[in-house]
Amino acid sequence: MTPTRASVSLVSLFLVFFRVGLFSFGGGLSGWIYREVVTLRGWMSDDEFFSGLALSQILPGANVTNLSVYIGQRLRGPAGSICALVGLVIGPFFAVIALVTAYAQLSMMPWVQDAMSGAAAAAIGLLLVVAAKGAYSASRRLVPFLILIATFVAVGLLQWPLVPVVLGLAPVSVAFAWWQASSDA
């Protein structure tokens, strides 16, 4: 059960995304955001989150910023979108400025390179968790599972370009979702 829009404070929304933005490296942010927003706080359901994740991946721009805007909008409207996005980017903005000034000295230290390799491995693990949960969610119904498999085969195995594959499969997916929604009503 997801909370009402007003029950999630703008400060809480800002702080969650600030922490994710400040303490993340590389990728895997969608996994961390899933953990914070769905698993730990229960602010959204799996379906709401994965709908936003799919939307954020097809829109231009960085997926995680699109996802933060979507989550903020769903939870608190335009003000929530602004809080989530600013929270996500303000910490890294100042951290990057600070790190750039010390880059020459830090890049020579081997432990820094090892730490970055470890952070990259953790990001891959978080992405795999989100992919597995998404695949499990899609596998509960036949048509979404078939679309998932078709996308994987076309892009992952056959190496077809993503845009034509999405343009071909998106109408099937949208038509199924509309049909499913109308049959549930």
Protein backbone atom coordinates (compact mmCIF):
# COMPACT_ATOMS: atom_id res chain seq x y z
CA MET A 1 0.00 0.00 0.00
CA THR A 2 1.53 3.29 -1.05
CA PRO A 3 1.26 6.41 1.08
CA THR A 4 -0.74 9.45 0.10
CA ARG A 5 1.08 12.30 -1.61
CA ALA A 6 1.09 14.49 1.49
CA SER A 7 2.44 11.78 3.81
CA VAL A 8 5.92 11.91 2.22
CA SER A 9 7.56 15.14 3.26
CA LEU A 10 9.57 17.17 0.77
CA VAL A 11 12.50 17.12 3.20
CA SER A 12 12.41 13.30 3.39
CA LEU A 13 12.26 13.08 -0.39
CA PHE A 14 15.20 15.48 -0.72
CA LEU A 15 17.28 13.65 1.90
CA VAL A 16 16.76 10.20 0.35
CA PHE A 17 17.84 11.41 -3.07
CA PHE A 18 20.66 13.52 -1.59
CA ARG A 19 22.08 10.44 0.12
CA VAL A 20 21.73 8.32 -3.02
CA GLY A 21 23.38 11.00 -5.14
CA LEU A 22 26.16 11.75 -2.69
CA PHE A 23 27.19 8.20 -1.86
CA SER A 24 26.82 6.50 -5.23
CA PHE A 25 29.52 5.91 -7.80
CA GLY A 26 29.08 4.98 -11.45
CA GLY A 27 25.81 3.20 -12.07
CA GLY A 28 23.39 1.07 -10.13
CA LEU A 29 21.45 4.01 -8.81
CA SER A 30 18.12 2.61 -9.92
CA GLY A 31 18.76 -0.40 -7.68
CA TRP A 32 19.56 1.80 -4.74
CA ILE A 33 16.56 4.04 -5.39
CA TYR A 34 14.34 0.93 -5.61
CA ARG A 35 15.66 -0.20 -2.23
CA GLU A 36 15.10 3.20 -0.62
CA VAL A 37 11.71 4.05 -2.14
CA VAL A 38 10.01 0.65 -2.43
CA THR A 39 11.69 -1.79 -0.05
CA LEU A 40 12.67 0.36 2.94
CA ARG A 41 10.07 3.14 2.93
CA GLY A 42 7.13 1.66 1.01
CA TRP A 43 6.52 4.95 -0.77
CA MET A 44 5.69 3.17 -4.04
CA SER A 45 4.65 -0.29 -5.18
CA ASP A 46 6.80 -2.47 -7.43
CA ASP A 47 4.52 -1.77 -10.37
CA GLU A 48 4.68 2.01 -9.87
CA PHE A 49 8.46 1.94 -9.59
CA PHE A 50 9.00 -0.29 -12.62
CA SER A 51 6.61 1.83 -14.68
CA GLY A 52 8.71 4.86 -13.79
CA LEU A 53 11.94 3.00 -14.48
CA ALA A 54 10.71 1.98 -17.93
CA LEU A 55 9.58 5.52 -18.66
CA SER A 56 12.87 6.98 -17.46
CA GLN A 57 14.82 4.66 -19.74
CA ILE A 58 12.96 5.61 -22.91
CA LEU A 59 13.06 9.37 -22.29
CA PRO A 60 16.12 11.39 -23.31
CA GLY A 61 18.54 12.27 -20.57
CA ALA A 62 20.10 10.41 -17.70
CA ASN A 63 17.88 7.54 -16.55
CA VAL A 64 18.38 8.22 -12.86
CA THR A 65 17.47 11.90 -13.13
CA ASN A 66 14.36 10.99 -15.11
CA LEU A 67 13.51 8.40 -12.45
CA SER A 68 13.97 10.91 -9.62
CA VAL A 69 11.66 13.38 -11.37
CA TYR A 70 9.06 10.63 -11.88
CA ILE A 71 9.20 9.50 -8.24
CA GLY A 72 9.07 13.07 -6.94
CA GLN A 73 6.09 13.81 -9.19
CA ARG A 74 4.22 10.68 -8.10
CA LEU A 75 4.80 11.36 -4.42
CA ARG A 76 4.49 15.16 -4.14
CA GLY A 77 3.81 16.68 -7.56
CA PRO A 78 6.05 19.33 -9.14
CA ALA A 79 7.60 20.33 -5.81
CA GLY A 80 8.49 16.69 -5.19
CA SER A 81 10.13 16.45 -8.60
CA ILE A 82 12.27 19.49 -7.85
CA CYS A 83 13.24 18.21 -4.38
CA ALA A 84 14.18 14.76 -5.66
CA LEU A 85 16.18 16.08 -8.61
CA VAL A 86 18.01 18.76 -6.63
CA GLY A 87 18.69 16.27 -3.85
CA LEU A 88 20.13 13.82 -6.36
CA VAL A 89 22.48 16.24 -8.12
CA ILE A 90 23.55 18.84 -5.55
CA GLY A 91 25.84 16.57 -3.50
CA PRO A 92 27.71 15.17 -6.51
CA PHE A 93 27.96 18.67 -8.00
CA PHE A 94 29.98 19.95 -5.06
CA ALA A 95 31.83 16.65 -4.60
CA VAL A 96 33.02 16.71 -8.21
CA ILE A 97 34.21 20.28 -7.86
CA ALA A 98 36.18 19.28 -4.74
CA LEU A 99 37.57 16.12 -6.33
CA VAL A 100 38.67 17.86 -9.52
CA THR A 101 40.89 20.12 -7.48
CA ALA A 102 42.61 17.12 -5.89
CA TYR A 103 42.53 14.81 -8.95
CA ALA A 104 46.22 14.97 -9.80
CA GLN A 105 47.24 13.78 -6.35
CA LEU A 106 44.47 11.19 -5.92
CA SER A 107 44.86 9.52 -9.31
CA MET A 108 48.37 8.36 -8.43
CA MET A 109 47.23 6.41 -5.36
CA PRO A 110 46.54 2.72 -6.10
CA TRP A 111 43.91 2.37 -3.36
CA VAL A 112 41.74 4.98 -5.12
CA GLN A 113 41.75 2.91 -8.30
CA ASP A 114 40.89 -0.21 -6.26
CA ALA A 115 38.02 1.61 -4.55
CA MET A 116 36.60 2.69 -7.91
CA SER A 117 36.79 -0.89 -9.19
CA GLY A 118 34.92 -2.08 -6.09
CA ALA A 119 32.26 0.60 -6.52
CA ALA A 120 31.79 -0.43 -10.16
CA ALA A 121 31.30 -4.07 -9.09
CA ALA A 122 28.70 -3.03 -6.52
CA ALA A 123 26.86 -0.96 -9.14
CA ILE A 124 26.71 -3.97 -11.46
CA GLY A 125 25.29 -6.06 -8.62
CA LEU A 126 22.56 -3.51 -7.91
CA LEU A 127 21.64 -3.37 -11.60
CA LEU A 128 21.40 -7.16 -11.69
CA VAL A 129 19.03 -7.11 -8.69
CA VAL A 130 16.73 -4.61 -10.41
CA ALA A 131 16.88 -6.60 -13.67
CA ALA A 132 16.04 -9.84 -11.86
CA LYS A 133 13.10 -8.25 -10.02
CA GLY A 134 11.84 -6.71 -13.25
CA ALA A 135 12.14 -10.03 -15.08
CA TYR A 136 10.33 -11.80 -12.26
CA SER A 137 7.57 -9.20 -12.36
CA ALA A 138 7.23 -9.58 -16.14
CA SER A 139 7.30 -13.38 -15.93
CA ARG A 140 4.07 -13.47 -13.95
CA ARG A 141 2.12 -12.73 -17.15
CA LEU A 142 2.75 -14.32 -20.53
CA VAL A 143 2.67 -11.30 -22.88
CA PRO A 144 5.06 -9.09 -20.84
CA PHE A 145 7.39 -12.07 -20.47
CA LEU A 146 7.35 -12.68 -24.24
CA ILE A 147 8.10 -8.99 -24.87
CA LEU A 148 10.97 -9.18 -22.38
CA ILE A 149 12.39 -12.27 -24.11
CA ALA A 150 11.94 -10.71 -27.57
CA THR A 151 13.77 -7.56 -26.46
CA PHE A 152 16.60 -9.59 -24.92
CA VAL A 153 17.02 -11.74 -28.01
CA ALA A 154 16.82 -8.83 -30.47
CA VAL A 155 19.13 -6.44 -28.63
CA GLY A 156 21.29 -8.74 -26.52
CA LEU A 157 21.84 -11.68 -28.81
CA LEU A 158 21.14 -10.45 -32.34
CA GLN A 159 22.71 -7.03 -31.62
CA TRP A 160 19.88 -5.12 -33.34
CA PRO A 161 19.69 -1.39 -32.56
CA LEU A 162 17.58 -0.60 -29.52
CA VAL A 163 15.42 2.15 -31.05
CA PRO A 164 13.88 0.02 -33.86
CA VAL A 165 13.33 -2.87 -31.43
CA VAL A 166 11.54 -0.58 -28.97
CA LEU A 167 9.53 1.05 -31.76
CA GLY A 168 8.44 -2.41 -32.88
CA LEU A 169 7.65 -3.89 -29.47
CA ALA A 170 6.28 -0.80 -27.69
CA PRO A 171 2.94 -0.78 -29.55
CA VAL A 172 2.40 -4.44 -28.66
CA SER A 173 3.24 -3.75 -25.01
CA VAL A 174 1.03 -0.65 -24.82
CA ALA A 175 -1.87 -2.42 -26.53
CA PHE A 176 -1.60 -5.30 -24.08
CA ALA A 177 -1.48 -2.90 -21.10
CA TRP A 178 -4.61 -1.09 -22.34
CA TRP A 179 -6.38 -4.37 -22.94
CA GLN A 180 -5.34 -5.61 -19.47
CA ALA A 181 -6.50 -2.38 -17.81
CA SER A 182 -9.86 -2.46 -19.57
CA SER A 183 -10.44 -6.11 -18.67
CA ASP A 184 -9.57 -5.42 -15.01
CA ALA A 185 -12.05 -2.55 -14.78
